[in-house]
């Protein structure tokens, strides 16, 4: 079954390529 990284939303690294690390989150 497909598990796409886009399912991870804010933790997908797509919109925020730093996965929140640059913001302390």
PDBML (XML) file of the C-alpha atoms, coordinates in Angstrom:
<?xml version="1.0" encoding="UTF-8" ?>
<PDBx:datablock datablockName="MODEL"
   xmlns:PDBx="http://pdbml.pdb.org/schema/pdbx-v50.xsd"
   xmlns:xsi="http://www.w3.org/2001/XMLSchema-instance"
   xsi:schemaLocation="http://pdbml.pdb.org/schema/pdbx-v50.xsd pdbx-v50.xsd">
   <PDBx:atom_siteCategory>
      <PDBx:atom_site id="1">
         <PDBx:B_iso_or_equiv>0.00</PDBx:B_iso_or_equiv>
         <PDBx:Cartn_x>0.000</PDBx:Cartn_x>
         <PDBx:Cartn_y>0.000</PDBx:Cartn_y>
         <PDBx:Cartn_z>0.000</PDBx:Cartn_z>
         <PDBx:auth_asym_id>A</PDBx:auth_asym_id>
         <PDBx:auth_atom_id>CA</PDBx:auth_atom_id>
         <PDBx:auth_comp_id>UNK</PDBx:auth_comp_id>
         <PDBx:auth_seq_id>1</PDBx:auth_seq_id>
         <PDBx:group_PDB>ATOM</PDBx:group_PDB>
         <PDBx:label_alt_id xsi:nil="true" />
         <PDBx:label_asym_id>A</PDBx:label_asym_id>
         <PDBx:label_atom_id>CA</PDBx:label_atom_id>
         <PDBx:label_comp_id>UNK</PDBx:label_comp_id>
         <PDBx:label_entity_id>1</PDBx:label_entity_id>
         <PDBx:label_seq_id>1</PDBx:label_seq_id>
         <PDBx:occupancy>1.00</PDBx:occupancy>
         <PDBx:pdbx_PDB_model_num>1</PDBx:pdbx_PDB_model_num>
         <PDBx:type_symbol>C</PDBx:type_symbol>
      </PDBx:atom_site>
      <PDBx:atom_site id="2">
         <PDBx:B_iso_or_equiv>0.00</PDBx:B_iso_or_equiv>
         <PDBx:Cartn_x>1.088</PDBx:Cartn_x>
         <PDBx:Cartn_y>3.543</PDBx:Cartn_y>
         <PDBx:Cartn_z>-0.728</PDBx:Cartn_z>
         <PDBx:auth_asym_id>A</PDBx:auth_asym_id>
         <PDBx:auth_atom_id>CA</PDBx:auth_atom_id>
         <PDBx:auth_comp_id>UNK</PDBx:auth_comp_id>
         <PDBx:auth_seq_id>2</PDBx:auth_seq_id>
         <PDBx:group_PDB>ATOM</PDBx:group_PDB>
         <PDBx:label_alt_id xsi:nil="true" />
         <PDBx:label_asym_id>A</PDBx:label_asym_id>
         <PDBx:label_atom_id>CA</PDBx:label_atom_id>
         <PDBx:label_comp_id>UNK</PDBx:label_comp_id>
         <PDBx:label_entity_id>1</PDBx:label_entity_id>
         <PDBx:label_seq_id>2</PDBx:label_seq_id>
         <PDBx:occupancy>1.00</PDBx:occupancy>
         <PDBx:pdbx_PDB_model_num>1</PDBx:pdbx_PDB_model_num>
         <PDBx:type_symbol>C</PDBx:type_symbol>
      </PDBx:atom_site>
      <PDBx:atom_site id="3">
         <PDBx:B_iso_or_equiv>0.00</PDBx:B_iso_or_equiv>
         <PDBx:Cartn_x>2.388</PDBx:Cartn_x>
         <PDBx:Cartn_y>5.631</PDBx:Cartn_y>
         <PDBx:Cartn_z>2.145</PDBx:Cartn_z>
         <PDBx:auth_asym_id>A</PDBx:auth_asym_id>
         <PDBx:auth_atom_id>CA</PDBx:auth_atom_id>
         <PDBx:auth_comp_id>UNK</PDBx:auth_comp_id>
         <PDBx:auth_seq_id>3</PDBx:auth_seq_id>
         <PDBx:group_PDB>ATOM</PDBx:group_PDB>
         <PDBx:label_alt_id xsi:nil="true" />
         <PDBx:label_asym_id>A</PDBx:label_asym_id>
         <PDBx:label_atom_id>CA</PDBx:label_atom_id>
         <PDBx:label_comp_id>UNK</PDBx:label_comp_id>
         <PDBx:label_entity_id>1</PDBx:label_entity_id>
         <PDBx:label_seq_id>3</PDBx:label_seq_id>
         <PDBx:occupancy>1.00</PDBx:occupancy>
         <PDBx:pdbx_PDB_model_num>1</PDBx:pdbx_PDB_model_num>
         <PDBx:type_symbol>C</PDBx:type_symbol>
      </PDBx:atom_site>
      <PDBx:atom_site id="4">
         <PDBx:B_iso_or_equiv>0.00</PDBx:B_iso_or_equiv>
         <PDBx:Cartn_x>3.151</PDBx:Cartn_x>
         <PDBx:Cartn_y>9.045</PDBx:Cartn_y>
         <PDBx:Cartn_z>0.690</PDBx:Cartn_z>
         <PDBx:auth_asym_id>A</PDBx:auth_asym_id>
         <PDBx:auth_atom_id>CA</PDBx:auth_atom_id>
         <PDBx:auth_comp_id>UNK</PDBx:auth_comp_id>
         <PDBx:auth_seq_id>4</PDBx:auth_seq_id>
         <PDBx:group_PDB>ATOM</PDBx:group_PDB>
         <PDBx:label_alt_id xsi:nil="true" />
         <PDBx:label_asym_id>A</PDBx:label_asym_id>
         <PDBx:label_atom_id>CA</PDBx:label_atom_id>
         <PDBx:label_comp_id>UNK</PDBx:label_comp_id>
         <PDBx:label_entity_id>1</PDBx:label_entity_id>
         <PDBx:label_seq_id>4</PDBx:label_seq_id>
         <PDBx:occupancy>1.00</PDBx:occupancy>
         <PDBx:pdbx_PDB_model_num>1</PDBx:pdbx_PDB_model_num>
         <PDBx:type_symbol>C</PDBx:type_symbol>
      </PDBx:atom_site>
      <PDBx:atom_site id="5">
         <PDBx:B_iso_or_equiv>0.00</PDBx:B_iso_or_equiv>
         <PDBx:Cartn_x>5.280</PDBx:Cartn_x>
         <PDBx:Cartn_y>11.528</PDBx:Cartn_y>
         <PDBx:Cartn_z>2.577</PDBx:Cartn_z>
         <PDBx:auth_asym_id>A</PDBx:auth_asym_id>
         <PDBx:auth_atom_id>CA</PDBx:auth_atom_id>
         <PDBx:auth_comp_id>UNK</PDBx:auth_comp_id>
         <PDBx:auth_seq_id>5</PDBx:auth_seq_id>
         <PDBx:group_PDB>ATOM</PDBx:group_PDB>
         <PDBx:label_alt_id xsi:nil="true" />
         <PDBx:label_asym_id>A</PDBx:label_asym_id>
         <PDBx:label_atom_id>CA</PDBx:label_atom_id>
         <PDBx:label_comp_id>UNK</PDBx:label_comp_id>
         <PDBx:label_entity_id>1</PDBx:label_entity_id>
         <PDBx:label_seq_id>5</PDBx:label_seq_id>
         <PDBx:occupancy>1.00</PDBx:occupancy>
         <PDBx:pdbx_PDB_model_num>1</PDBx:pdbx_PDB_model_num>
         <PDBx:type_symbol>C</PDBx:type_symbol>
      </PDBx:atom_site>
      <PDBx:atom_site id="6">
         <PDBx:B_iso_or_equiv>0.00</PDBx:B_iso_or_equiv>
         <PDBx:Cartn_x>2.626</PDBx:Cartn_x>
         <PDBx:Cartn_y>14.172</PDBx:Cartn_y>
         <PDBx:Cartn_z>1.894</PDBx:Cartn_z>
         <PDBx:auth_asym_id>A</PDBx:auth_asym_id>
         <PDBx:auth_atom_id>CA</PDBx:auth_atom_id>
         <PDBx:auth_comp_id>UNK</PDBx:auth_comp_id>
         <PDBx:auth_seq_id>6</PDBx:auth_seq_id>
         <PDBx:group_PDB>ATOM</PDBx:group_PDB>
         <PDBx:label_alt_id xsi:nil="true" />
         <PDBx:label_asym_id>A</PDBx:label_asym_id>
         <PDBx:label_atom_id>CA</PDBx:label_atom_id>
         <PDBx:label_comp_id>UNK</PDBx:label_comp_id>
         <PDBx:label_entity_id>1</PDBx:label_entity_id>
         <PDBx:label_seq_id>6</PDBx:label_seq_id>
         <PDBx:occupancy>1.00</PDBx:occupancy>
         <PDBx:pdbx_PDB_model_num>1</PDBx:pdbx_PDB_model_num>
         <PDBx:type_symbol>C</PDBx:type_symbol>
      </PDBx:atom_site>
      <PDBx:atom_site id="7">
         <PDBx:B_iso_or_equiv>0.00</PDBx:B_iso_or_equiv>
         <PDBx:Cartn_x>0.483</PDBx:Cartn_x>
         <PDBx:Cartn_y>12.347</PDBx:Cartn_y>
         <PDBx:Cartn_z>4.481</PDBx:Cartn_z>
         <PDBx:auth_asym_id>A</PDBx:auth_asym_id>
         <PDBx:auth_atom_id>CA</PDBx:auth_atom_id>
         <PDBx:auth_comp_id>UNK</PDBx:auth_comp_id>
         <PDBx:auth_seq_id>7</PDBx:auth_seq_id>
         <PDBx:group_PDB>ATOM</PDBx:group_PDB>
         <PDBx:label_alt_id xsi:nil="true" />
         <PDBx:label_asym_id>A</PDBx:label_asym_id>
         <PDBx:label_atom_id>CA</PDBx:label_atom_id>
         <PDBx:label_comp_id>UNK</PDBx:label_comp_id>
         <PDBx:label_entity_id>1</PDBx:label_entity_id>
         <PDBx:label_seq_id>7</PDBx:label_seq_id>
         <PDBx:occupancy>1.00</PDBx:occupancy>
         <PDBx:pdbx_PDB_model_num>1</PDBx:pdbx_PDB_model_num>
         <PDBx:type_symbol>C</PDBx:type_symbol>
      </PDBx:atom_site>
      <PDBx:atom_site id="8">
         <PDBx:B_iso_or_equiv>0.00</PDBx:B_iso_or_equiv>
         <PDBx:Cartn_x>2.890</PDBx:Cartn_x>
         <PDBx:Cartn_y>13.680</PDBx:Cartn_y>
         <PDBx:Cartn_z>7.086</PDBx:Cartn_z>
         <PDBx:auth_asym_id>A</PDBx:auth_asym_id>
         <PDBx:auth_atom_id>CA</PDBx:auth_atom_id>
         <PDBx:auth_comp_id>UNK</PDBx:auth_comp_id>
         <PDBx:auth_seq_id>8</PDBx:auth_seq_id>
         <PDBx:group_PDB>ATOM</PDBx:group_PDB>
         <PDBx:label_alt_id xsi:nil="true" />
         <PDBx:label_asym_id>A</PDBx:label_asym_id>
         <PDBx:label_atom_id>CA</PDBx:label_atom_id>
         <PDBx:label_comp_id>UNK</PDBx:label_comp_id>
         <PDBx:label_entity_id>1</PDBx:label_entity_id>
         <PDBx:label_seq_id>8</PDBx:label_seq_id>
         <PDBx:occupancy>1.00</PDBx:occupancy>
         <PDBx:pdbx_PDB_model_num>1</PDBx:pdbx_PDB_model_num>
         <PDBx:type_symbol>C</PDBx:type_symbol>
      </PDBx:atom_site>
      <PDBx:atom_site id="9">
         <PDBx:B_iso_or_equiv>0.00</PDBx:B_iso_or_equiv>
         <PDBx:Cartn_x>1.706</PDBx:Cartn_x>
         <PDBx:Cartn_y>17.230</PDBx:Cartn_y>
         <PDBx:Cartn_z>6.289</PDBx:Cartn_z>
         <PDBx:auth_asym_id>A</PDBx:auth_asym_id>
         <PDBx:auth_atom_id>CA</PDBx:auth_atom_id>
         <PDBx:auth_comp_id>UNK</PDBx:auth_comp_id>
         <PDBx:auth_seq_id>9</PDBx:auth_seq_id>
         <PDBx:group_PDB>ATOM</PDBx:group_PDB>
         <PDBx:label_alt_id xsi:nil="true" />
         <PDBx:label_asym_id>A</PDBx:label_asym_id>
         <PDBx:label_atom_id>CA</PDBx:label_atom_id>
         <PDBx:label_comp_id>UNK</PDBx:label_comp_id>
         <PDBx:label_entity_id>1</PDBx:label_entity_id>
         <PDBx:label_seq_id>9</PDBx:label_seq_id>
         <PDBx:occupancy>1.00</PDBx:occupancy>
         <PDBx:pdbx_PDB_model_num>1</PDBx:pdbx_PDB_model_num>
         <PDBx:type_symbol>C</PDBx:type_symbol>
      </PDBx:atom_site>
      <PDBx:atom_site id="10">
         <PDBx:B_iso_or_equiv>0.00</PDBx:B_iso_or_equiv>
         <PDBx:Cartn_x>3.765</PDBx:Cartn_x>
         <PDBx:Cartn_y>19.731</PDBx:Cartn_y>
         <PDBx:Cartn_z>8.323</PDBx:Cartn_z>
         <PDBx:auth_asym_id>A</PDBx:auth_asym_id>
         <PDBx:auth_atom_id>CA</PDBx:auth_atom_id>
         <PDBx:auth_comp_id>UNK</PDBx:auth_comp_id>
         <PDBx:auth_seq_id>10</PDBx:auth_seq_id>
         <PDBx:group_PDB>ATOM</PDBx:group_PDB>
         <PDBx:label_alt_id xsi:nil="true" />
         <PDBx:label_asym_id>A</PDBx:label_asym_id>
         <PDBx:label_atom_id>CA</PDBx:label_atom_id>
         <PDBx:label_comp_id>UNK</PDBx:label_comp_id>
         <PDBx:label_entity_id>1</PDBx:label_entity_id>
         <PDBx:label_seq_id>10</PDBx:label_seq_id>
         <PDBx:occupancy>1.00</PDBx:occupancy>
         <PDBx:pdbx_PDB_model_num>1</PDBx:pdbx_PDB_model_num>
         <PDBx:type_symbol>C</PDBx:type_symbol>
      </PDBx:atom_site>
      <PDBx:atom_site id="11">
         <PDBx:B_iso_or_equiv>0.00</PDBx:B_iso_or_equiv>
         <PDBx:Cartn_x>6.372</PDBx:Cartn_x>
         <PDBx:Cartn_y>17.030</PDBx:Cartn_y>
         <PDBx:Cartn_z>8.927</PDBx:Cartn_z>
         <PDBx:auth_asym_id>A</PDBx:auth_asym_id>
         <PDBx:auth_atom_id>CA</PDBx:auth_atom_id>
         <PDBx:auth_comp_id>UNK</PDBx:auth_comp_id>
         <PDBx:auth_seq_id>11</PDBx:auth_seq_id>
         <PDBx:group_PDB>ATOM</PDBx:group_PDB>
         <PDBx:label_alt_id xsi:nil="true" />
         <PDBx:label_asym_id>A</PDBx:label_asym_id>
         <PDBx:label_atom_id>CA</PDBx:label_atom_id>
         <PDBx:label_comp_id>UNK</PDBx:label_comp_id>
         <PDBx:label_entity_id>1</PDBx:label_entity_id>
         <PDBx:label_seq_id>11</PDBx:label_seq_id>
         <PDBx:occupancy>1.00</PDBx:occupancy>
         <PDBx:pdbx_PDB_model_num>1</PDBx:pdbx_PDB_model_num>
         <PDBx:type_symbol>C</PDBx:type_symbol>
      </PDBx:atom_site>
      <PDBx:atom_site id="12">
         <PDBx:B_iso_or_equiv>0.00</PDBx:B_iso_or_equiv>
         <PDBx:Cartn_x>6.684</PDBx:Cartn_x>
         <PDBx:Cartn_y>15.933</PDBx:Cartn_y>
         <PDBx:Cartn_z>5.291</PDBx:Cartn_z>
         <PDBx:auth_asym_id>A</PDBx:auth_asym_id>
         <PDBx:auth_atom_id>CA</PDBx:auth_atom_id>
         <PDBx:auth_comp_id>UNK</PDBx:auth_comp_id>
         <PDBx:auth_seq_id>12</PDBx:auth_seq_id>
         <PDBx:group_PDB>ATOM</PDBx:group_PDB>
         <PDBx:label_alt_id xsi:nil="true" />
         <PDBx:label_asym_id>A</PDBx:label_asym_id>
         <PDBx:label_atom_id>CA</PDBx:label_atom_id>
         <PDBx:label_comp_id>UNK</PDBx:label_comp_id>
         <PDBx:label_entity_id>1</PDBx:label_entity_id>
         <PDBx:label_seq_id>12</PDBx:label_seq_id>
         <PDBx:occupancy>1.00</PDBx:occupancy>
         <PDBx:pdbx_PDB_model_num>1</PDBx:pdbx_PDB_model_num>
         <PDBx:type_symbol>C</PDBx:type_symbol>
      </PDBx:atom_site>
      <PDBx:atom_site id="13">
         <PDBx:B_iso_or_equiv>0.00</PDBx:B_iso_or_equiv>
         <PDBx:Cartn_x>9.574</PDBx:Cartn_x>
         <PDBx:Cartn_y>18.260</PDBx:Cartn_y>
         <PDBx:Cartn_z>4.497</PDBx:Cartn_z>
         <PDBx:auth_asym_id>A</PDBx:auth_asym_id>
         <PDBx:auth_atom_id>CA</PDBx:auth_atom_id>
         <PDBx:auth_comp_id>UNK</PDBx:auth_comp_id>
         <PDBx:auth_seq_id>13</PDBx:auth_seq_id>
         <PDBx:group_PDB>ATOM</PDBx:group_PDB>
         <PDBx:label_alt_id xsi:nil="true" />
         <PDBx:label_asym_id>A</PDBx:label_asym_id>
         <PDBx:label_atom_id>CA</PDBx:label_atom_id>
         <PDBx:label_comp_id>UNK</PDBx:label_comp_id>
         <PDBx:label_entity_id>1</PDBx:label_entity_id>
         <PDBx:label_seq_id>13</PDBx:label_seq_id>
         <PDBx:occupancy>1.00</PDBx:occupancy>
         <PDBx:pdbx_PDB_model_num>1</PDBx:pdbx_PDB_model_num>
         <PDBx:type_symbol>C</PDBx:type_symbol>
      </PDBx:atom_site>
      <PDBx:atom_site id="14">
         <PDBx:B_iso_or_equiv>0.00</PDBx:B_iso_or_equiv>
         <PDBx:Cartn_x>7.700</PDBx:Cartn_x>
         <PDBx:Cartn_y>19.476</PDBx:Cartn_y>
         <PDBx:Cartn_z>1.415</PDBx:Cartn_z>
         <PDBx:auth_asym_id>A</PDBx:auth_asym_id>
         <PDBx:auth_atom_id>CA</PDBx:auth_atom_id>
         <PDBx:auth_comp_id>UNK</PDBx:auth_comp_id>
         <PDBx:auth_seq_id>14</PDBx:auth_seq_id>
         <PDBx:group_PDB>ATOM</PDBx:group_PDB>
         <PDBx:label_alt_id xsi:nil="true" />
         <PDBx:label_asym_id>A</PDBx:label_asym_id>
         <PDBx:label_atom_id>CA</PDBx:label_atom_id>
         <PDBx:label_comp_id>UNK</PDBx:label_comp_id>
         <PDBx:label_entity_id>1</PDBx:label_entity_id>
         <PDBx:label_seq_id>14</PDBx:label_seq_id>
         <PDBx:occupancy>1.00</PDBx:occupancy>
         <PDBx:pdbx_PDB_model_num>1</PDBx:pdbx_PDB_model_num>
         <PDBx:type_symbol>C</PDBx:type_symbol>
      </PDBx:atom_site>
      <PDBx:atom_site id="15">
         <PDBx:B_iso_or_equiv>0.00</PDBx:B_iso_or_equiv>
         <PDBx:Cartn_x>6.508</PDBx:Cartn_x>
         <PDBx:Cartn_y>22.925</PDBx:Cartn_y>
         <PDBx:Cartn_z>2.496</PDBx:Cartn_z>
         <PDBx:auth_asym_id>A</PDBx:auth_asym_id>
         <PDBx:auth_atom_id>CA</PDBx:auth_atom_id>
         <PDBx:auth_comp_id>UNK</PDBx:auth_comp_id>
         <PDBx:auth_seq_id>15</PDBx:auth_seq_id>
         <PDBx:group_PDB>ATOM</PDBx:group_PDB>
         <PDBx:label_alt_id xsi:nil="true" />
         <PDBx:label_asym_id>A</PDBx:label_asym_id>
         <PDBx:label_atom_id>CA</PDBx:label_atom_id>
         <PDBx:label_comp_id>UNK</PDBx:label_comp_id>
         <PDBx:label_entity_id>1</PDBx:label_entity_id>
         <PDBx:label_seq_id>15</PDBx:label_seq_id>
         <PDBx:occupancy>1.00</PDBx:occupancy>
         <PDBx:pdbx_PDB_model_num>1</PDBx:pdbx_PDB_model_num>
         <PDBx:type_symbol>C</PDBx:type_symbol>
      </PDBx:atom_site>
      <PDBx:atom_site id="16">
         <PDBx:B_iso_or_equiv>0.00</PDBx:B_iso_or_equiv>
         <PDBx:Cartn_x>9.084</PDBx:Cartn_x>
         <PDBx:Cartn_y>23.282</PDBx:Cartn_y>
         <PDBx:Cartn_z>5.269</PDBx:Cartn_z>
         <PDBx:auth_asym_id>A</PDBx:auth_asym_id>
         <PDBx:auth_atom_id>CA</PDBx:auth_atom_id>
         <PDBx:auth_comp_id>UNK</PDBx:auth_comp_id>
         <PDBx:auth_seq_id>16</PDBx:auth_seq_id>
         <PDBx:group_PDB>ATOM</PDBx:group_PDB>
         <PDBx:label_alt_id xsi:nil="true" />
         <PDBx:label_asym_id>A</PDBx:label_asym_id>
         <PDBx:label_atom_id>CA</PDBx:label_atom_id>
         <PDBx:label_comp_id>UNK</PDBx:label_comp_id>
         <PDBx:label_entity_id>1</PDBx:label_entity_id>
         <PDBx:label_seq_id>16</PDBx:label_seq_id>
         <PDBx:occupancy>1.00</PDBx:occupancy>
         <PDBx:pdbx_PDB_model_num>1</PDBx:pdbx_PDB_model_num>
         <PDBx:type_symbol>C</PDBx:type_symbol>
      </PDBx:atom_site>
      <PDBx:atom_site id="17">
         <PDBx:B_iso_or_equiv>0.00</PDBx:B_iso_or_equiv>
         <PDBx:Cartn_x>12.271</PDBx:Cartn_x>
         <PDBx:Cartn_y>21.547</PDBx:Cartn_y>
         <PDBx:Cartn_z>4.103</PDBx:Cartn_z>
         <PDBx:auth_asym_id>A</PDBx:auth_asym_id>
         <PDBx:auth_atom_id>CA</PDBx:auth_atom_id>
         <PDBx:auth_comp_id>UNK</PDBx:auth_comp_id>
         <PDBx:auth_seq_id>17</PDBx:auth_seq_id>
         <PDBx:group_PDB>ATOM</PDBx:group_PDB>
         <PDBx:label_alt_id xsi:nil="true" />
         <PDBx:label_asym_id>A</PDBx:label_asym_id>
         <PDBx:label_atom_id>CA</PDBx:label_atom_id>
         <PDBx:label_comp_id>UNK</PDBx:label_comp_id>
         <PDBx:label_entity_id>1</PDBx:label_entity_id>
         <PDBx:label_seq_id>17</PDBx:label_seq_id>
         <PDBx:occupancy>1.00</PDBx:occupancy>
         <PDBx:pdbx_PDB_model_num>1</PDBx:pdbx_PDB_model_num>
         <PDBx:type_symbol>C</PDBx:type_symbol>
      </PDBx:atom_site>
      <PDBx:atom_site id="18">
         <PDBx:B_iso_or_equiv>0.00</PDBx:B_iso_or_equiv>
         <PDBx:Cartn_x>13.782</PDBx:Cartn_x>
         <PDBx:Cartn_y>21.960</PDBx:Cartn_y>
         <PDBx:Cartn_z>7.593</PDBx:Cartn_z>
         <PDBx:auth_asym_id>A</PDBx:auth_asym_id>
         <PDBx:auth_atom_id>CA</PDBx:auth_atom_id>
         <PDBx:auth_comp_id>UNK</PDBx:auth_comp_id>
         <PDBx:auth_seq_id>18</PDBx:auth_seq_id>
         <PDBx:group_PDB>ATOM</PDBx:group_PDB>
         <PDBx:label_alt_id xsi:nil="true" />
         <PDBx:label_asym_id>A</PDBx:label_asym_id>
         <PDBx:label_atom_id>CA</PDBx:label_atom_id>
         <PDBx:label_comp_id>UNK</PDBx:label_comp_id>
         <PDBx:label_entity_id>1</PDBx:label_entity_id>
         <PDBx:label_seq_id>18</PDBx:label_seq_id>
         <PDBx:occupancy>1.00</PDBx:occupancy>
         <PDBx:pdbx_PDB_model_num>1</PDBx:pdbx_PDB_model_num>
         <PDBx:type_symbol>C</PDBx:type_symbol>
      </PDBx:atom_site>
      <PDBx:atom_site id="19">
         <PDBx:B_iso_or_equiv>0.00</PDBx:B_iso_or_equiv>
         <PDBx:Cartn_x>11.054</PDBx:Cartn_x>
         <PDBx:Cartn_y>19.860</PDBx:Cartn_y>
         <PDBx:Cartn_z>9.270</PDBx:Cartn_z>
         <PDBx:auth_asym_id>A</PDBx:auth_asym_id>
         <PDBx:auth_atom_id>CA</PDBx:auth_atom_id>
         <PDBx:auth_comp_id>UNK</PDBx:auth_comp_id>
         <PDBx:auth_seq_id>19</PDBx:auth_seq_id>
         <PDBx:group_PDB>ATOM</PDBx:group_PDB>
         <PDBx:label_alt_id xsi:nil="true" />
         <PDBx:label_asym_id>A</PDBx:label_asym_id>
         <PDBx:label_atom_id>CA</PDBx:label_atom_id>
         <PDBx:label_comp_id>UNK</PDBx:label_comp_id>
         <PDBx:label_entity_id>1</PDBx:label_entity_id>
         <PDBx:label_seq_id>19</PDBx:label_seq_id>
         <PDBx:occupancy>1.00</PDBx:occupancy>
         <PDBx:pdbx_PDB_model_num>1</PDBx:pdbx_PDB_model_num>
         <PDBx:type_symbol>C</PDBx:type_symbol>
      </PDBx:atom_site>
      <PDBx:atom_site id="20">
         <PDBx:B_iso_or_equiv>0.00</PDBx:B_iso_or_equiv>
         <PDBx:Cartn_x>10.549</PDBx:Cartn_x>
         <PDBx:Cartn_y>22.605</PDBx:Cartn_y>
         <PDBx:Cartn_z>11.853</PDBx:Cartn_z>
         <PDBx:auth_asym_id>A</PDBx:auth_asym_id>
         <PDBx:auth_atom_id>CA</PDBx:auth_atom_id>
         <PDBx:auth_comp_id>UNK</PDBx:auth_comp_id>
         <PDBx:auth_seq_id>20</PDBx:auth_seq_id>
         <PDBx:group_PDB>ATOM</PDBx:group_PDB>
         <PDBx:label_alt_id xsi:nil="true" />
         <PDBx:label_asym_id>A</PDBx:label_asym_id>
         <PDBx:label_atom_id>CA</PDBx:label_atom_id>
         <PDBx:label_comp_id>UNK</PDBx:label_comp_id>
         <PDBx:label_entity_id>1</PDBx:label_entity_id>
         <PDBx:label_seq_id>20</PDBx:label_seq_id>
         <PDBx:occupancy>1.00</PDBx:occupancy>
         <PDBx:pdbx_PDB_model_num>1</PDBx:pdbx_PDB_model_num>
         <PDBx:type_symbol>C</PDBx:type_symbol>
      </PDBx:atom_site>
      <PDBx:atom_site id="21">
         <PDBx:B_iso_or_equiv>0.00</PDBx:B_iso_or_equiv>
         <PDBx:Cartn_x>14.136</PDBx:Cartn_x>
         <PDBx:Cartn_y>22.472</PDBx:Cartn_y>
         <PDBx:Cartn_z>13.147</PDBx:Cartn_z>
         <PDBx:auth_asym_id>A</PDBx:auth_asym_id>
         <PDBx:auth_atom_id>CA</PDBx:auth_atom_id>
         <PDBx:auth_comp_id>UNK</PDBx:auth_comp_id>
         <PDBx:auth_seq_id>21</PDBx:auth_seq_id>
         <PDBx:group_PDB>ATOM</PDBx:group_PDB>
         <PDBx:label_alt_id xsi:nil="true" />
         <PDBx:label_asym_id>A</PDBx:label_asym_id>
         <PDBx:label_atom_id>CA</PDBx:label_atom_id>
         <PDBx:label_comp_id>UNK</PDBx:label_comp_id>
         <PDBx:label_entity_id>1</PDBx:label_entity_id>
         <PDBx:label_seq_id>21</PDBx:label_seq_id>
         <PDBx:occupancy>1.00</PDBx:occupancy>
         <PDBx:pdbx_PDB_model_num>1</PDBx:pdbx_PDB_model_num>
         <PDBx:type_symbol>C</PDBx:type_symbol>
      </PDBx:atom_site>
      <PDBx:atom_site id="22">
         <PDBx:B_iso_or_equiv>0.00</PDBx:B_iso_or_equiv>
         <PDBx:Cartn_x>14.862</PDBx:Cartn_x>
         <PDBx:Cartn_y>25.999</PDBx:Cartn_y>
         <PDBx:Cartn_z>11.959</PDBx:Cartn_z>
         <PDBx:auth_asym_id>A</PDBx:auth_asym_id>
         <PDBx:auth_atom_id>CA</PDBx:auth_atom_id>
         <PDBx:auth_comp_id>UNK</PDBx:auth_comp_id>
         <PDBx:auth_seq_id>22</PDBx:auth_seq_id>
         <PDBx:group_PDB>ATOM</PDBx:group_PDB>
         <PDBx:label_alt_id xsi:nil="true" />
         <PDBx:label_asym_id>A</PDBx:label_asym_id>
         <PDBx:label_atom_id>CA</PDBx:label_atom_id>
         <PDBx:label_comp_id>UNK</PDBx:label_comp_id>
         <PDBx:label_entity_id>1</PDBx:label_entity_id>
         <PDBx:label_seq_id>22</PDBx:label_seq_id>
         <PDBx:occupancy>1.00</PDBx:occupancy>
         <PDBx:pdbx_PDB_model_num>1</PDBx:pdbx_PDB_model_num>
         <PDBx:type_symbol>C</PDBx:type_symbol>
      </PDBx:atom_site>
      <PDBx:atom_site id="23">
         <PDBx:B_iso_or_equiv>0.00</PDBx:B_iso_or_equiv>
         <PDBx:Cartn_x>11.975</PDBx:Cartn_x>
         <PDBx:Cartn_y>27.211</PDBx:Cartn_y>
         <PDBx:Cartn_z>14.144</PDBx:Cartn_z>
         <PDBx:auth_asym_id>A</PDBx:auth_asym_id>
         <PDBx:auth_atom_id>CA</PDBx:auth_atom_id>
         <PDBx:auth_comp_id>UNK</PDBx:auth_comp_id>
         <PDBx:auth_seq_id>23</PDBx:auth_seq_id>
         <PDBx:group_PDB>ATOM</PDBx:group_PDB>
         <PDBx:label_alt_id xsi:nil="true" />
         <PDBx:label_asym_id>A</PDBx:label_asym_id>
         <PDBx:label_atom_id>CA</PDBx:label_atom_id>
         <PDBx:label_comp_id>UNK</PDBx:label_comp_id>
         <PDBx:label_entity_id>1</PDBx:label_entity_id>
         <PDBx:label_seq_id>23</PDBx:label_seq_id>
         <PDBx:occupancy>1.00</PDBx:occupancy>
         <PDBx:pdbx_PDB_model_num>1</PDBx:pdbx_PDB_model_num>
         <PDBx:type_symbol>C</PDBx:type_symbol>
      </PDBx:atom_site>
      <PDBx:atom_site id="24">
         <PDBx:B_iso_or_equiv>0.00</PDBx:B_iso_or_equiv>
         <PDBx:Cartn_x>12.760</PDBx:Cartn_x>
         <PDBx:Cartn_y>25.151</PDBx:Cartn_y>
         <PDBx:Cartn_z>17.215</PDBx:Cartn_z>
         <PDBx:auth_asym_id>A</PDBx:auth_asym_id>
         <PDBx:auth_atom_id>CA</PDBx:auth_atom_id>
         <PDBx:auth_comp_id>UNK</PDBx:auth_comp_id>
         <PDBx:auth_seq_id>24</PDBx:auth_seq_id>
         <PDBx:group_PDB>ATOM</PDBx:group_PDB>
         <PDBx:label_alt_id xsi:nil="true" />
         <PDBx:label_asym_id>A</PDBx:label_asym_id>
         <PDBx:label_atom_id>CA</PDBx:label_atom_id>
         <PDBx:label_comp_id>UNK</PDBx:label_comp_id>
         <PDBx:label_entity_id>1</PDBx:label_entity_id>
         <PDBx:label_seq_id>24</PDBx:label_seq_id>
         <PDBx:occupancy>1.00</PDBx:occupancy>
         <PDBx:pdbx_PDB_model_num>1</PDBx:pdbx_PDB_model_num>
         <PDBx:type_symbol>C</PDBx:type_symbol>
      </PDBx:atom_site>
      <PDBx:atom_site id="25">
         <PDBx:B_iso_or_equiv>0.00</PDBx:B_iso_or_equiv>
         <PDBx:Cartn_x>9.733</PDBx:Cartn_x>
         <PDBx:Cartn_y>22.950</PDBx:Cartn_y>
         <PDBx:Cartn_z>16.506</PDBx:Cartn_z>
         <PDBx:auth_asym_id>A</PDBx:auth_asym_id>
         <PDBx:auth_atom_id>CA</PDBx:auth_atom_id>
         <PDBx:auth_comp_id>UNK</PDBx:auth_comp_id>
         <PDBx:auth_seq_id>25</PDBx:auth_seq_id>
         <PDBx:group_PDB>ATOM</PDBx:group_PDB>
         <PDBx:label_alt_id xsi:nil="true" />
         <PDBx:label_asym_id>A</PDBx:label_asym_id>
         <PDBx:label_atom_id>CA</PDBx:label_atom_id>
         <PDBx:label_comp_id>UNK</PDBx:label_comp_id>
         <PDBx:label_entity_id>1</PDBx:label_entity_id>
         <PDBx:label_seq_id>25</PDBx:label_seq_id>
         <PDBx:occupancy>1.00</PDBx:occupancy>
         <PDBx:pdbx_PDB_model_num>1</PDBx:pdbx_PDB_model_num>
         <PDBx:type_symbol>C</PDBx:type_symbol>
      </PDBx:atom_site>
   </PDBx:atom_siteCategory>
</PDBx:datablock>
